Structure formats: C-alpha cells, structure tokens
Amino acid sequence: MARKKGLHFYQKEKKINSAFLKDIFEMIAGTFIVIFLAMALTYFVGMRTSVVGDSMEPALYNSQEILINRFVYRLSSPKRGDVVVFLPNGNQNSHYYVKRIIALPGETVQIINGRVYIDGEMLEEAELYDKISDPGIAGNEITLGTDEYFVLGDNRNSSEDSRSGNIGAVKKDTIIGKAWFHLKSEEGNLGFIE
C-alpha cells in the first residue's frame, strides 16, 4: 500500500496505565470499606441522638446531635463526670435524657445550700455550675443502690434530673451509653464531650 503524500499527523494512541487504574480502584474500594465500617460501628457500637432542652449547657445545646458509645459500659462501669444517655425509669416512650453522673452506686447524695455533698463531703466542681436553687428530693439524703447513679444537668437550675421525683436515681440497665462526641456546637465545631 502506498503512502499518501502530504502532511501526516500521527496520533499516538493513549493507553491507560494499569498502575493508575489499580490506584483508582483501591481508592474507591477503600472509601466503600471505610463507609461500611463507619455504618457498622454506628449501628452495633454507637448510636446518634439529639439533645432535648438546655439542661446540659454550656457543654451541649438544644437540638445538638451527639454520638453515643453503647458498648463501653459492657466492659466497664460509668464513672463520675461521664455524660450518659438514658431512658428515665426505662420508659421506651420517653425521649433520651442526657445528663452528667455525679454520684456512684453505694454513695449517699444530698444537696445542701445549693451544693452537692457525697458521703458528707462537698463535691469539688468547676465554677461554671450554678448554685442549685431547688434541691428537689435530694434535699434529703439519698443512698444509691448497687446499680444506681445520681445524675444532674450541667445547667443545674434548668434541668430535670435525679432531683426530680419522676426520674430519681438512674439504674444502670436504663443507661443507653456514654455520650462521647458532638457533631456540631454553637461555634460550629465537632468535638469530644468532656
């Protein structure tokens, strides 16, 4: 076959590099694996809910979404200062309550002159907590059972918590888990719950 005279522009065939394709495939597969693991962890270990009300301000705000670790209390017991999510009296028809553990099983709790006393000693707390104006049922000494916790909201004078007769001490089996991460705050930041 004779070559045609004139200008010829050879187009080089573009070949897709197999290493490049492999990298793209690995990146896509990795992304799907991470998404699957995140969903599995959220479903089996964690849970997502929203804070209802202003009782945990300034740590958590109304309608703020939080992640709950449902697994942690299968391995250990709740600690003083933990922010827990529970159903009051195990009522499945109630919204989730989010409060901070103040007293542990076997301890005695009483609120005197706006301050919390545990086993007769005043609880040392950060200054951000207001003096409690209404001690509720904790005006009298409360002795916690072997599986009971006394909880308070951080916004002490705007919280329905263990001081309320309809909630009282929180039993361990009604605790859903530990609130450990908030998805958004007033400042727009993500972060761990302290």
C-alpha atoms as a PDB file:
ATOM      1  CA  MET A   1       0.000   0.000   0.000  1.00  0.00           C
ATOM      2  CA  ALA A   2       1.450   3.315  -0.995  1.00  0.00           C
ATOM      3  CA  ARG A   3       1.733   6.146   1.454  1.00  0.00           C
ATOM      4  CA  LYS A   4      -0.172   9.250   0.640  1.00  0.00           C
ATOM      5  CA  LYS A   5       1.842  12.348   0.082  1.00  0.00           C
ATOM      6  CA  GLY A   6       1.278  15.375   2.193  1.00  0.00           C
ATOM      7  CA  LEU A   7       1.235  16.245   5.860  1.00  0.00           C
ATOM      8  CA  HIS A   8       0.564  13.480   8.268  1.00  0.00           C
ATOM      9  CA  PHE A   9      -0.203  13.901  11.893  1.00  0.00           C
ATOM     10  CA  TYR A  10       0.270  10.760  13.780  1.00  0.00           C
ATOM     11  CA  GLN A  11      -1.989  10.408  16.705  1.00  0.00           C
ATOM     12  CA  LYS A  12      -0.418   8.456  19.419  1.00  0.00           C
ATOM     13  CA  GLU A  13      -2.811   6.022  20.922  1.00  0.00           C
ATOM     14  CA  LYS A  14      -3.479   6.856  24.524  1.00  0.00           C
ATOM     15  CA  LYS A  15      -3.051   3.909  26.738  1.00  0.00           C
ATOM     16  CA  ILE A  16      -4.369   3.953  30.254  1.00  0.00           C
ATOM     17  CA  ASN A  17      -1.678   2.951  32.632  1.00  0.00           C
ATOM     18  CA  SER A  18      -2.699  -0.198  34.549  1.00  0.00           C
ATOM     19  CA  ALA A  19      -0.992   1.087  37.713  1.00  0.00           C
ATOM     20  CA  PHE A  20      -3.148   4.229  37.541  1.00  0.00           C
ATOM     21  CA  LEU A  21      -6.321   2.137  37.213  1.00  0.00           C
ATOM     22  CA  LYS A  22      -5.243  -0.014  40.129  1.00  0.00           C
ATOM     23  CA  ASP A  23      -4.721   3.088  42.307  1.00  0.00           C
ATOM     24  CA  ILE A  24      -8.178   4.426  41.440  1.00  0.00           C
ATOM     25  CA  PHE A  25      -9.804   1.066  42.143  1.00  0.00           C
ATOM     26  CA  GLU A  26      -8.014   0.790  45.522  1.00  0.00           C
ATOM     27  CA  MET A  27      -9.107   4.311  46.459  1.00  0.00           C
ATOM     28  CA  ILE A  28     -12.759   3.600  45.595  1.00  0.00           C
ATOM     29  CA  ALA A  29     -12.701   0.229  47.369  1.00  0.00           C
ATOM     30  CA  GLY A  30     -11.064   1.819  50.431  1.00  0.00           C
ATOM     31  CA  THR A  31     -13.723   4.523  50.552  1.00  0.00           C
ATOM     32  CA  PHE A  32     -16.523   1.944  50.442  1.00  0.00           C
ATOM     33  CA  ILE A  33     -14.857  -0.120  53.174  1.00  0.00           C
ATOM     34  CA  VAL A  34     -14.488   2.943  55.438  1.00  0.00           C
ATOM     35  CA  ILE A  35     -18.139   3.911  54.889  1.00  0.00           C
ATOM     36  CA  PHE A  36     -19.277   0.344  55.594  1.00  0.00           C
ATOM     37  CA  LEU A  37     -17.194   0.130  58.784  1.00  0.00           C
ATOM     38  CA  ALA A  38     -18.450   3.529  59.983  1.00  0.00           C
ATOM     39  CA  MET A  39     -22.052   2.446  59.431  1.00  0.00           C
ATOM     40  CA  ALA A  40     -21.455  -0.915  61.122  1.00  0.00           C
ATOM     41  CA  LEU A  41     -19.780   0.735  64.134  1.00  0.00           C
ATOM     42  CA  THR A  42     -22.583   3.273  64.422  1.00  0.00           C
ATOM     43  CA  TYR A  43     -25.205   0.545  64.237  1.00  0.00           C
ATOM     44  CA  PHE A  44     -23.613  -2.068  66.515  1.00  0.00           C
ATOM     45  CA  VAL A  45     -21.480   0.012  68.890  1.00  0.00           C
ATOM     46  CA  GLY A  46     -22.759   3.540  68.624  1.00  0.00           C
ATOM     47  CA  MET A  47     -25.924   5.484  68.198  1.00  0.00           C
ATOM     48  CA  ARG A  48     -26.861   9.013  67.234  1.00  0.00           C
ATOM     49  CA  THR A  49     -29.393  11.221  69.016  1.00  0.00           C
ATOM     50  CA  SER A  50     -30.167  14.872  69.685  1.00  0.00           C
ATOM     51  CA  VAL A  51     -30.056  16.783  72.947  1.00  0.00           C
ATOM     52  CA  VAL A  52     -33.512  17.917  74.085  1.00  0.00           C
ATOM     53  CA  GLY A  53     -33.603  21.178  76.045  1.00  0.00           C
ATOM     54  CA  ASP A  54     -30.948  23.422  77.567  1.00  0.00           C
ATOM     55  CA  SER A  55     -30.158  21.325  80.651  1.00  0.00           C
ATOM     56  CA  MET A  56     -26.609  20.485  79.529  1.00  0.00           C
ATOM     57  CA  GLU A  57     -25.497  23.985  78.513  1.00  0.00           C
ATOM     58  CA  PRO A  58     -22.777  25.116  78.052  1.00  0.00           C
ATOM     59  CA  ALA A  59     -21.359  21.637  77.222  1.00  0.00           C
ATOM     60  CA  LEU A  60     -24.250  20.645  74.930  1.00  0.00           C
ATOM     61  CA  TYR A  61     -27.043  22.676  73.364  1.00  0.00           C
ATOM     62  CA  ASN A  62     -30.684  22.048  72.483  1.00  0.00           C
ATOM     63  CA  SER A  63     -31.037  20.042  69.229  1.00  0.00           C
ATOM     64  CA  GLN A  64     -27.293  19.371  69.083  1.00  0.00           C
ATOM     65  CA  GLU A  65     -26.565  15.934  67.658  1.00  0.00           C
ATOM     66  CA  ILE A  66     -24.346  13.598  69.658  1.00  0.00           C
ATOM     67  CA  LEU A  67     -22.877  10.148  69.167  1.00  0.00           C
ATOM     68  CA  ILE A  68     -23.359   7.574  71.898  1.00  0.00           C
ATOM     69  CA  ASN A  69     -20.987   4.712  72.664  1.00  0.00           C
ATOM     70  CA  ARG A  70     -23.380   1.872  73.577  1.00  0.00           C
ATOM     71  CA  PHE A  71     -20.587  -0.665  74.063  1.00  0.00           C
ATOM     72  CA  VAL A  72     -18.329   1.000  76.646  1.00  0.00           C
ATOM     73  CA  TYR A  73     -20.483   0.146  79.685  1.00  0.00           C
ATOM     74  CA  ARG A  74     -20.490  -3.538  78.807  1.00  0.00           C
ATOM     75  CA  LEU A  75     -16.767  -3.522  79.570  1.00  0.00           C
ATOM     76  CA  SER A  76     -16.687  -1.018  82.434  1.00  0.00           C
ATOM     77  CA  SER A  77     -18.973   0.891  84.759  1.00  0.00           C
ATOM     78  CA  PRO A  78     -19.969   4.536  84.361  1.00  0.00           C
ATOM     79  CA  LYS A  79     -17.641   6.977  86.118  1.00  0.00           C
ATOM     80  CA  ARG A  80     -18.272  10.242  87.927  1.00  0.00           C
ATOM     81  CA  GLY A  81     -18.270  13.030  85.364  1.00  0.00           C
ATOM     82  CA  ASP A  82     -19.359  10.835  82.431  1.00  0.00           C
ATOM     83  CA  VAL A  83     -22.135  12.298  80.289  1.00  0.00           C
ATOM     84  CA  VAL A  84     -24.656   9.496  79.851  1.00  0.00           C
ATOM     85  CA  VAL A  85     -27.764   8.969  77.773  1.00  0.00           C
ATOM     86  CA  PHE A  86     -30.633   7.114  79.439  1.00  0.00           C
ATOM     87  CA  LEU A  87     -34.347   6.461  79.376  1.00  0.00           C
ATOM     88  CA  PRO A  88     -35.878   7.635  82.673  1.00  0.00           C
ATOM     89  CA  ASN A  89     -37.171   4.574  84.530  1.00  0.00           C
ATOM     90  CA  GLY A  90     -36.625   2.583  81.341  1.00  0.00           C
ATOM     91  CA  ASN A  91     -39.634   4.266  79.698  1.00  0.00           C
ATOM     92  CA  GLN A  92     -39.341   3.340  75.999  1.00  0.00           C
ATOM     93  CA  ASN A  93     -41.872   6.079  75.091  1.00  0.00           C
ATOM     94  CA  SER A  94     -39.708   8.871  76.521  1.00  0.00           C
ATOM     95  CA  HIS A  95     -37.046  10.880  74.720  1.00  0.00           C
ATOM     96  CA  TYR A  96     -33.431  10.183  75.632  1.00  0.00           C
ATOM     97  CA  TYR A  97     -32.140  12.185  78.592  1.00  0.00           C
ATOM     98  CA  VAL A  98     -28.542  13.428  78.529  1.00  0.00           C
ATOM     99  CA  LYS A  99     -27.017  14.150  81.964  1.00  0.00           C
ATOM    100  CA  ARG A 100     -23.734  14.022  83.874  1.00  0.00           C
ATOM    101  CA  ILE A 101     -23.054  11.372  86.529  1.00  0.00           C
ATOM    102  CA  ILE A 102     -22.461  12.973  89.905  1.00  0.00           C
ATOM    103  CA  ALA A 103     -22.663  10.059  92.358  1.00  0.00           C
ATOM    104  CA  LEU A 104     -21.919   6.350  92.054  1.00  0.00           C
ATOM    105  CA  PRO A 105     -23.544   3.171  93.412  1.00  0.00           C
ATOM    106  CA  GLY A 106     -23.441   2.847  97.202  1.00  0.00           C
ATOM    107  CA  GLU A 107     -22.749   6.549  97.791  1.00  0.00           C
ATOM    108  CA  THR A 108     -25.032   8.937  99.644  1.00  0.00           C
ATOM    109  CA  VAL A 109     -26.018  12.220  97.999  1.00  0.00           C
ATOM    110  CA  GLN A 110     -27.526  15.374  99.428  1.00  0.00           C
ATOM    111  CA  ILE A 111     -27.821  18.940  98.226  1.00  0.00           C
ATOM    112  CA  ILE A 112     -27.227  21.466 100.990  1.00  0.00           C
ATOM    113  CA  ASN A 113     -27.220  25.240 100.441  1.00  0.00           C
ATOM    114  CA  GLY A 114     -27.042  24.774  96.669  1.00  0.00           C
ATOM    115  CA  ARG A 115     -24.026  22.456  96.731  1.00  0.00           C
ATOM    116  CA  VAL A 116     -23.740  18.693  96.191  1.00  0.00           C
ATOM    117  CA  TYR A 117     -22.463  16.551  99.060  1.00  0.00           C
ATOM    118  CA  ILE A 118     -21.364  12.965  98.524  1.00  0.00           C
ATOM    119  CA  ASP A 119     -20.870  10.802 101.610  1.00  0.00           C
ATOM    120  CA  GLY A 120     -20.924  14.002 103.697  1.00  0.00           C
ATOM    121  CA  GLU A 121     -18.157  15.740 101.701  1.00  0.00           C
ATOM    122  CA  MET A 122     -18.841  18.675  99.387  1.00  0.00           C
ATOM    123  CA  LEU A 123     -18.215  17.718  95.753  1.00  0.00           C
ATOM    124  CA  GLU A 124     -15.490  19.869  94.212  1.00  0.00           C
ATOM    125  CA  GLU A 125     -16.898  21.133  90.914  1.00  0.00           C
ATOM    126  CA  ALA A 126     -15.978  23.651  88.264  1.00  0.00           C
ATOM    127  CA  GLU A 127     -17.195  27.193  88.851  1.00  0.00           C
ATOM    128  CA  LEU A 128     -19.322  27.069  85.710  1.00  0.00           C
ATOM    129  CA  TYR A 129     -22.032  25.194  87.638  1.00  0.00           C
ATOM    130  CA  ASP A 130     -24.543  27.491  89.348  1.00  0.00           C
ATOM    131  CA  LYS A 131     -25.610  27.004  92.929  1.00  0.00           C
ATOM    132  CA  ILE A 132     -28.644  24.745  92.917  1.00  0.00           C
ATOM    133  CA  SER A 133     -31.754  26.707  93.850  1.00  0.00           C
ATOM    134  CA  ASP A 134     -34.078  23.676  94.184  1.00  0.00           C
ATOM    135  CA  PRO A 135     -32.574  20.511  95.674  1.00  0.00           C
ATOM    136  CA  GLY A 136     -35.758  18.532  94.971  1.00  0.00           C
ATOM    137  CA  ILE A 137     -35.756  15.086  96.545  1.00  0.00           C
ATOM    138  CA  ALA A 138     -32.003  15.464  97.166  1.00  0.00           C
ATOM    139  CA  GLY A 139     -32.774  17.956  99.921  1.00  0.00           C
ATOM    140  CA  ASN A 140     -32.856  14.780 101.998  1.00  0.00           C
ATOM    141  CA  GLU A 141     -30.002  12.309 101.935  1.00  0.00           C
ATOM    142  CA  ILE A 142     -30.326   9.683  99.177  1.00  0.00           C
ATOM    143  CA  THR A 143     -28.438   6.398  99.390  1.00  0.00           C
ATOM    144  CA  LEU A 144     -27.843   4.879  95.971  1.00  0.00           C
ATOM    145  CA  GLY A 145     -28.341   1.168  95.365  1.00  0.00           C
ATOM    146  CA  THR A 146     -25.732  -1.171  93.888  1.00  0.00           C
ATOM    147  CA  ASP A 147     -26.758  -0.332  90.309  1.00  0.00           C
ATOM    148  CA  GLU A 148     -27.922   3.285  90.721  1.00  0.00           C
ATOM    149  CA  TYR A 149     -26.375   6.601  89.671  1.00  0.00           C
ATOM    150  CA  PHE A 150     -27.253  10.171  90.597  1.00  0.00           C
ATOM    151  CA  VAL A 151     -27.220  12.478  87.557  1.00  0.00           C
ATOM    152  CA  LEU A 152     -27.520  16.234  87.095  1.00  0.00           C
ATOM    153  CA  GLY A 153     -27.664  18.528  84.104  1.00  0.00           C
ATOM    154  CA  ASP A 154     -24.783  20.998  83.758  1.00  0.00           C
ATOM    155  CA  ASN A 155     -27.308  23.848  83.656  1.00  0.00           C
ATOM    156  CA  ARG A 156     -28.333  22.972  87.202  1.00  0.00           C
ATOM    157  CA  ASN A 157     -31.294  25.341  87.544  1.00  0.00           C
ATOM    158  CA  SER A 158     -32.847  24.341  84.223  1.00  0.00           C
ATOM    159  CA  SER A 159     -32.660  20.566  84.385  1.00  0.00           C
ATOM    160  CA  GLU A 160     -34.983  17.684  85.109  1.00  0.00           C
ATOM    161  CA  ASP A 161     -32.666  15.085  86.599  1.00  0.00           C
ATOM    162  CA  SER A 162     -32.167  12.832  89.635  1.00  0.00           C
ATOM    163  CA  ARG A 163     -33.520  15.598  91.879  1.00  0.00           C
ATOM    164  CA  SER A 164     -36.935  15.100  90.275  1.00  0.00           C
ATOM    165  CA  GLY A 165     -39.206  12.513  91.845  1.00  0.00           C
ATOM    166  CA  ASN A 166     -40.290  11.195  88.461  1.00  0.00           C
ATOM    167  CA  ILE A 167     -36.680  10.418  87.492  1.00  0.00           C
ATOM    168  CA  GLY A 168     -34.753   9.824  90.711  1.00  0.00           C
ATOM    169  CA  ALA A 169     -31.663   7.627  90.704  1.00  0.00           C
ATOM    170  CA  VAL A 170     -30.820   6.180  87.294  1.00  0.00           C
ATOM    171  CA  LYS A 171     -30.439   2.411  87.130  1.00  0.00           C
ATOM    172  CA  LYS A 172     -27.527   1.059  85.100  1.00  0.00           C
ATOM    173  CA  ASP A 173     -29.788  -1.046  82.880  1.00  0.00           C
ATOM    174  CA  THR A 174     -31.632   2.124  81.713  1.00  0.00           C
ATOM    175  CA  ILE A 175     -28.386   3.776  80.578  1.00  0.00           C
ATOM    176  CA  ILE A 176     -28.104   3.536  76.787  1.00  0.00           C
ATOM    177  CA  GLY A 177     -24.455   4.551  76.733  1.00  0.00           C
ATOM    178  CA  LYS A 178     -21.882   7.287  77.089  1.00  0.00           C
ATOM    179  CA  ALA A 179     -22.220  10.491  75.071  1.00  0.00           C
ATOM    180  CA  TRP A 180     -18.723  10.887  73.654  1.00  0.00           C
ATOM    181  CA  PHE A 181     -18.843  13.125  70.583  1.00  0.00           C
ATOM    182  CA  HIS A 182     -20.920  16.111  69.482  1.00  0.00           C
ATOM    183  CA  LEU A 183     -21.422  16.685  65.781  1.00  0.00           C
ATOM    184  CA  LYS A 184     -21.904  20.433  65.887  1.00  0.00           C
ATOM    185  CA  SER A 185     -21.721  23.152  68.524  1.00  0.00           C
ATOM    186  CA  GLU A 186     -22.745  26.805  68.728  1.00  0.00           C
ATOM    187  CA  GLU A 187     -19.311  27.630  67.314  1.00  0.00           C
ATOM    188  CA  GLY A 188     -19.815  25.093  64.530  1.00  0.00           C
ATOM    189  CA  ASN A 189     -17.058  22.753  65.780  1.00  0.00           C
ATOM    190  CA  LEU A 190     -17.059  18.987  66.107  1.00  0.00           C
ATOM    191  CA  GLY A 191     -15.596  17.619  69.294  1.00  0.00           C
ATOM    192  CA  PHE A 192     -15.389  15.147  72.122  1.00  0.00           C
ATOM    193  CA  ILE A 193     -17.649  15.614  75.128  1.00  0.00           C
ATOM    194  CA  GLU A 194     -15.887  16.319  78.395  1.00  0.00           C
END
